[in-house]
């Protein structure tokens, strides 16, 4: 994920405002931080997702590229969408692409337009008509659906892709982001772990897993994941910012201030998190200003 935006594994609204009252205990601070995080950071999303994060899990039935409603997923498909990495999948040689190349590809895809996502979907549909078990085409179709906010339908294709190519880190990573959008945080954490199994130097997978843990109020384990991301990229502004927020949730305010100040030097927009979670004196949060809605640049489905 780019160094300036997971900023918002959610597009923001992700970081809601903390209470304006002083938070003096770890339990109270943790609760306040938990209620302020309701969606994944924007950095994990397509450029046009910020305004639609609140509706990440649509209630309407998924539709195909023609707009027709799809039938409800069968029991096996639903199981595949939530089971752990690689369950029941045949072994396949992992893709040769490395973490740096994968990150560049995610960044490029996040900047595409809806028209380009629909073309991506049509191309994958055509390939799958000829070869229904083409894992690469299934993954491309899943990503296109995810970018077009068809999250339940995308989930089925991600799981199908992993059925035929169980050790593809890109499929795990993108399904993890899709799980985040559907607020399935435990499943998201498991998928990011699956991505790291096959690509252990993927900073964005560490970041994504850290965000999923934050959503489950697991702030100390989240710190460990953000630390791994920072070790892989010392200029990863989003990881510094989110680690600082995590520290603030269990009263590690000196550490929180350090991280948030550093995040601000890398990305000035992080100053809002510094004021919100640490405050001017480094001991208490101050009244929060409206949260930013930045364009994602680093990580996405």
Protein backbone atom coordinates (compact mmCIF):
# COMPACT_ATOMS: atom_id res chain seq x y z
CA UNK A 1 0.00 0.00 0.00
CA UNK A 2 1.34 3.38 -0.87
CA UNK A 3 2.96 5.38 1.80
CA UNK A 4 0.26 7.86 2.22
CA UNK A 5 -3.05 6.27 2.43
CA UNK A 6 -4.44 3.17 4.06
CA UNK A 7 -4.87 5.47 5.08
CA UNK A 8 -7.80 4.49 5.50
CA UNK A 9 -8.20 0.78 4.91
CA UNK A 10 -11.38 2.39 4.45
CA UNK A 11 -12.06 5.48 2.92
CA UNK A 12 -12.51 7.13 5.45
CA UNK A 13 -14.90 7.31 7.64
CA UNK A 14 -12.73 4.74 9.00
CA UNK A 15 -11.39 6.86 11.65
CA UNK A 16 -14.35 8.37 13.35
CA UNK A 17 -13.98 10.95 16.04
CA UNK A 18 -13.15 9.95 19.56
CA UNK A 19 -15.10 11.32 22.44
CA UNK A 20 -14.17 14.86 23.37
CA UNK A 21 -13.94 13.85 27.03
CA UNK A 22 -10.66 12.78 28.57
CA UNK A 23 -10.04 9.03 28.45
CA UNK A 24 -7.94 7.97 31.39
CA UNK A 25 -8.12 4.17 31.49
CA UNK A 26 -7.01 1.59 28.99
CA UNK A 27 -10.49 0.04 28.93
CA UNK A 28 -12.19 3.36 28.28
CA UNK A 29 -9.66 4.41 25.62
CA UNK A 30 -9.89 1.04 23.86
CA UNK A 31 -13.68 1.29 23.78
CA UNK A 32 -13.50 4.82 22.37
CA UNK A 33 -11.09 3.84 19.64
CA UNK A 34 -13.18 0.79 18.76
CA UNK A 35 -16.31 2.85 18.25
CA UNK A 36 -14.40 5.28 16.02
CA UNK A 37 -13.32 2.63 13.51
CA UNK A 38 -16.21 1.37 11.45
CA UNK A 39 -14.78 0.66 8.01
CA UNK A 40 -11.56 -0.35 6.32
CA UNK A 41 -9.03 2.36 5.46
CA UNK A 42 -9.25 4.00 2.09
CA UNK A 43 -5.85 2.80 1.10
CA UNK A 44 -7.33 -0.62 0.63
CA UNK A 45 -10.07 0.67 -1.63
CA UNK A 46 -10.58 1.88 -5.17
CA UNK A 47 -10.35 5.63 -5.70
CA UNK A 48 -14.12 6.07 -5.87
CA UNK A 49 -14.92 4.03 -2.77
CA UNK A 50 -14.66 6.69 -0.08
CA UNK A 51 -18.23 7.81 -0.44
CA UNK A 52 -19.63 4.29 -0.41
CA UNK A 53 -17.76 2.63 2.43
CA UNK A 54 -20.72 2.88 4.75
CA UNK A 55 -22.61 0.59 2.42
CA UNK A 56 -19.80 -1.90 2.05
CA UNK A 57 -22.08 -4.92 2.45
CA UNK A 58 -25.00 -4.40 0.08
CA UNK A 59 -28.31 -6.00 1.00
CA UNK A 60 -29.44 -6.45 -2.59
CA UNK A 61 -28.59 -9.73 -4.36
CA UNK A 62 -25.34 -9.67 -6.36
CA UNK A 63 -25.66 -9.06 -10.07
CA UNK A 64 -23.66 -10.18 -13.06
CA UNK A 65 -22.15 -7.98 -15.75
CA UNK A 66 -25.52 -7.69 -17.53
CA UNK A 67 -27.30 -6.45 -14.43
CA UNK A 68 -29.27 -9.68 -13.94
CA UNK A 69 -29.64 -10.93 -10.40
CA UNK A 70 -27.57 -13.98 -9.59
CA UNK A 71 -29.02 -16.95 -7.75
CA UNK A 72 -28.18 -17.34 -4.08
CA UNK A 73 -24.82 -19.07 -3.50
CA UNK A 74 -25.02 -22.74 -2.68
CA UNK A 75 -23.85 -24.11 0.66
CA UNK A 76 -20.44 -25.15 -0.64
CA UNK A 77 -19.79 -21.73 -2.16
CA UNK A 78 -20.68 -20.03 1.07
CA UNK A 79 -18.32 -22.31 2.94
CA UNK A 80 -15.50 -21.54 0.55
CA UNK A 81 -16.05 -17.83 1.04
CA UNK A 82 -15.33 -18.04 4.76
CA UNK A 83 -13.06 -21.02 5.29
CA UNK A 84 -9.38 -20.70 6.03
CA UNK A 85 -6.58 -20.32 3.49
CA UNK A 86 -6.19 -23.19 1.07
CA UNK A 87 -8.88 -25.48 2.52
CA UNK A 88 -9.64 -28.27 0.09
CA UNK A 89 -7.64 -26.67 -2.72
CA UNK A 90 -5.19 -28.44 -5.02
CA UNK A 91 -1.55 -27.46 -4.84
CA UNK A 92 -0.46 -25.13 -7.63
CA UNK A 93 2.84 -23.38 -8.21
CA UNK A 94 2.70 -19.84 -6.74
CA UNK A 95 2.86 -16.84 -9.07
CA UNK A 96 6.35 -15.50 -9.72
CA UNK A 97 5.41 -11.85 -9.11
CA UNK A 98 7.02 -10.33 -6.01
CA UNK A 99 5.65 -8.01 -3.34
CA UNK A 100 6.92 -4.84 -5.03
CA UNK A 101 5.35 -5.76 -8.35
CA UNK A 102 2.11 -6.80 -6.65
CA UNK A 103 1.92 -3.45 -4.85
CA UNK A 104 2.48 -1.55 -8.11
CA UNK A 105 -0.28 -3.56 -9.81
CA UNK A 106 -2.71 -2.85 -6.95
CA UNK A 107 -1.92 0.84 -7.15
CA UNK A 108 -2.51 0.86 -10.89
CA UNK A 109 -5.82 -0.98 -10.60
CA UNK A 110 -7.07 1.34 -7.88
CA UNK A 111 -6.77 4.26 -10.27
CA UNK A 112 -8.89 2.65 -12.98
CA UNK A 113 -12.35 3.98 -13.85
CA UNK A 114 -15.64 2.12 -13.46
CA UNK A 115 -15.76 1.73 -17.23
CA UNK A 116 -12.36 0.02 -17.11
CA UNK A 117 -13.53 -2.24 -14.28
CA UNK A 118 -16.56 -3.24 -16.35
CA UNK A 119 -14.27 -3.99 -19.31
CA UNK A 120 -12.07 -6.05 -16.97
CA UNK A 121 -15.20 -7.95 -15.93
CA UNK A 122 -16.30 -8.57 -19.52
CA UNK A 123 -12.85 -9.82 -20.50
CA UNK A 124 -12.77 -12.25 -17.58
CA UNK A 125 -16.30 -13.46 -18.38
CA UNK A 126 -15.26 -14.21 -21.94
CA UNK A 127 -12.19 -16.15 -20.80
CA UNK A 128 -14.24 -18.18 -18.33
CA UNK A 129 -16.77 -19.20 -20.97
CA UNK A 130 -13.94 -20.98 -22.76
CA UNK A 131 -12.13 -22.18 -19.63
CA UNK A 132 -14.43 -22.22 -16.55
CA UNK A 133 -11.61 -23.31 -14.24
CA UNK A 134 -9.13 -20.61 -15.25
CA UNK A 135 -7.87 -19.38 -11.85
CA UNK A 136 -6.38 -16.19 -13.29
CA UNK A 137 -9.64 -15.24 -15.01
CA UNK A 138 -11.63 -16.01 -11.86
CA UNK A 139 -9.32 -13.73 -9.88
CA UNK A 140 -9.65 -10.93 -12.43
CA UNK A 141 -13.44 -11.23 -12.42
CA UNK A 142 -13.47 -11.22 -8.63
CA UNK A 143 -11.38 -8.06 -8.49
CA UNK A 144 -13.56 -6.33 -11.07
CA UNK A 145 -16.69 -7.17 -9.06
CA UNK A 146 -15.03 -6.00 -5.87
CA UNK A 147 -14.05 -2.67 -7.43
CA UNK A 148 -17.66 -2.33 -8.63
CA UNK A 149 -18.85 -2.96 -5.05
CA UNK A 150 -20.39 -6.38 -5.83
CA UNK A 151 -18.75 -7.85 -2.75
CA UNK A 152 -20.83 -11.04 -2.20
CA UNK A 153 -20.48 -12.02 -5.87
CA UNK A 154 -16.75 -11.25 -5.78
CA UNK A 155 -16.36 -13.46 -2.72
CA UNK A 156 -17.57 -16.51 -4.65
CA UNK A 157 -15.07 -15.91 -7.47
CA UNK A 158 -12.17 -15.37 -5.07
CA UNK A 159 -12.96 -18.66 -3.39
CA UNK A 160 -13.28 -20.44 -6.74
CA UNK A 161 -9.91 -19.04 -7.82
CA UNK A 162 -8.34 -20.41 -4.62
CA UNK A 163 -9.98 -23.77 -5.23
CA UNK A 164 -7.85 -24.10 -8.37
CA UNK A 165 -4.79 -22.19 -7.20
CA UNK A 166 -4.55 -22.47 -3.46
CA UNK A 167 -1.17 -20.81 -3.03
CA UNK A 168 -1.83 -17.56 -4.87
CA UNK A 169 -1.09 -14.68 -2.43
CA UNK A 170 -2.94 -12.18 -4.60
CA UNK A 171 -6.18 -14.15 -4.30
CA UNK A 172 -5.83 -14.29 -0.50
CA UNK A 173 -4.94 -10.60 -0.25
CA UNK A 174 -7.82 -9.41 -2.39
CA UNK A 175 -10.31 -11.72 -0.73
CA UNK A 176 -9.09 -10.33 2.59
CA UNK A 177 -9.88 -6.78 1.46
CA UNK A 178 -13.27 -7.99 0.22
CA UNK A 179 -13.93 -9.53 3.64
CA UNK A 180 -13.08 -6.18 5.24
CA UNK A 181 -15.67 -4.46 3.08
CA UNK A 182 -18.24 -7.01 4.24
CA UNK A 183 -17.17 -6.47 7.86
CA UNK A 184 -15.96 -10.07 8.22
CA UNK A 185 -12.86 -9.18 10.14
CA UNK A 186 -11.85 -12.61 11.43
CA UNK A 187 -12.03 -14.04 7.90
CA UNK A 188 -10.11 -11.02 6.59
CA UNK A 189 -7.30 -11.58 9.09
CA UNK A 190 -7.12 -15.25 8.06
CA UNK A 191 -6.86 -14.35 4.38
CA UNK A 192 -4.12 -11.76 4.92
CA UNK A 193 -2.28 -14.46 6.89
CA UNK A 194 -2.73 -16.75 3.87
CA UNK A 195 -1.22 -14.10 1.60
CA UNK A 196 1.76 -13.76 3.94
CA UNK A 197 2.29 -17.52 3.93
CA UNK A 198 3.15 -17.33 0.24
CA UNK A 199 4.53 -13.78 0.11
CA UNK A 200 6.06 -13.02 3.53
CA UNK A 201 7.47 -9.65 2.49
CA UNK A 202 4.13 -8.13 1.51
CA UNK A 203 3.83 -4.97 3.62
CA UNK A 204 0.23 -4.40 2.52
CA UNK A 205 -0.85 -7.80 3.78
CA UNK A 206 0.67 -7.00 7.18
CA UNK A 207 -1.11 -3.67 7.09
CA UNK A 208 -4.42 -5.26 6.09
CA UNK A 209 -4.19 -7.84 8.85
CA UNK A 210 -3.39 -5.09 11.33
CA UNK A 211 -6.48 -3.19 10.29
CA UNK A 212 -8.64 -6.32 10.64
CA UNK A 213 -7.28 -6.82 14.16
CA UNK A 214 -8.02 -3.19 15.03
CA UNK A 215 -11.61 -3.76 13.94
CA UNK A 216 -11.76 -6.66 16.42
CA UNK A 217 -10.26 -4.48 19.20
CA UNK A 218 -7.04 -6.52 19.13
CA UNK A 219 -4.84 -3.46 19.32
CA UNK A 220 -1.65 -5.03 20.70
CA UNK A 221 -1.52 -7.74 18.00
CA UNK A 222 -2.30 -5.01 15.45
CA UNK A 223 0.79 -3.10 16.62
CA UNK A 224 2.91 -6.14 15.78
CA UNK A 225 1.54 -6.28 12.22
CA UNK A 226 2.00 -2.55 11.63
CA UNK A 227 5.56 -2.90 12.96
CA UNK A 228 6.28 -5.62 10.39
CA UNK A 229 4.92 -3.35 7.66
CA UNK A 230 7.17 -0.50 8.84
CA UNK A 231 10.19 -2.81 8.91
CA UNK A 232 9.51 -3.61 5.26
CA UNK A 233 8.99 0.06 4.34
CA UNK A 234 10.14 2.71 6.79
CA UNK A 235 8.28 5.39 4.79
CA UNK A 236 4.91 3.62 5.05
CA UNK A 237 2.90 6.57 6.42
CA UNK A 238 -0.34 4.64 6.89
CA UNK A 239 1.37 1.95 8.96
CA UNK A 240 2.96 4.60 11.22
CA UNK A 241 -0.42 6.31 11.59
CA UNK A 242 -2.37 3.17 12.39
CA UNK A 243 0.26 1.89 14.77
CA UNK A 244 0.06 5.20 16.59
CA UNK A 245 -3.71 4.91 16.85
CA UNK A 246 -3.35 1.36 18.15
CA UNK A 247 -0.87 2.49 20.81
CA UNK A 248 -3.30 5.20 21.90
CA UNK A 249 -5.98 2.56 22.46
CA UNK A 250 -4.05 1.00 25.35
CA UNK A 251 -2.53 4.11 26.89
CA UNK A 252 0.89 3.97 25.24
CA UNK A 253 0.66 7.70 24.60
CA UNK A 254 4.39 8.48 24.25
CA UNK A 255 4.63 5.76 21.59
CA UNK A 256 1.40 6.95 20.00
CA UNK A 257 2.69 10.53 19.80
CA UNK A 258 6.01 9.38 18.34
CA UNK A 259 4.32 7.35 15.61
CA UNK A 260 1.67 9.91 14.76
CA UNK A 261 4.19 12.74 14.61
CA UNK A 262 6.34 10.67 12.28
CA UNK A 263 3.30 9.76 10.17
CA UNK A 264 2.59 13.49 9.88
CA UNK A 265 6.08 14.16 8.52
CA UNK A 266 5.41 11.52 5.85
CA UNK A 267 1.82 12.57 5.18
CA UNK A 268 0.62 15.93 6.61
CA UNK A 269 -2.98 14.72 6.59
CA UNK A 270 -2.09 12.40 9.50
CA UNK A 271 -1.96 15.50 11.73
CA UNK A 272 -5.69 15.06 12.24
CA UNK A 273 -5.11 11.67 13.82
CA UNK A 274 -2.35 13.17 15.96
CA UNK A 275 -4.74 15.78 17.34
CA UNK A 276 -7.60 13.33 17.72
CA UNK A 277 -5.84 10.48 19.47
CA UNK A 278 -3.04 12.14 21.37
CA UNK A 279 -3.94 15.78 21.82
CA UNK A 280 -1.73 18.81 22.23
CA UNK A 281 -0.28 17.71 25.55
CA UNK A 282 0.33 14.09 24.62
CA UNK A 283 -1.87 12.83 27.44
CA UNK A 284 -5.47 13.23 26.35
CA UNK A 285 -7.34 13.26 23.06
CA UNK A 286 -8.77 16.62 22.08
CA UNK A 287 -12.10 17.30 20.46
CA UNK A 288 -11.93 15.76 17.02
CA UNK A 289 -12.42 17.63 13.80
CA UNK A 290 -14.38 16.00 10.94
CA UNK A 291 -12.44 13.04 9.56
CA UNK A 292 -10.75 13.34 6.19
CA UNK A 293 -11.88 11.50 3.09
CA UNK A 294 -8.64 10.91 1.23
CA UNK A 295 -8.21 9.07 -2.05
CA UNK A 296 -6.67 5.65 -1.54
CA UNK A 297 -3.39 5.00 -3.15
CA UNK A 298 -1.83 1.93 -1.83
CA UNK A 299 -3.87 -1.10 -1.12
CA UNK A 300 -7.00 -2.42 -2.69
CA UNK A 301 -9.00 -5.42 -3.51
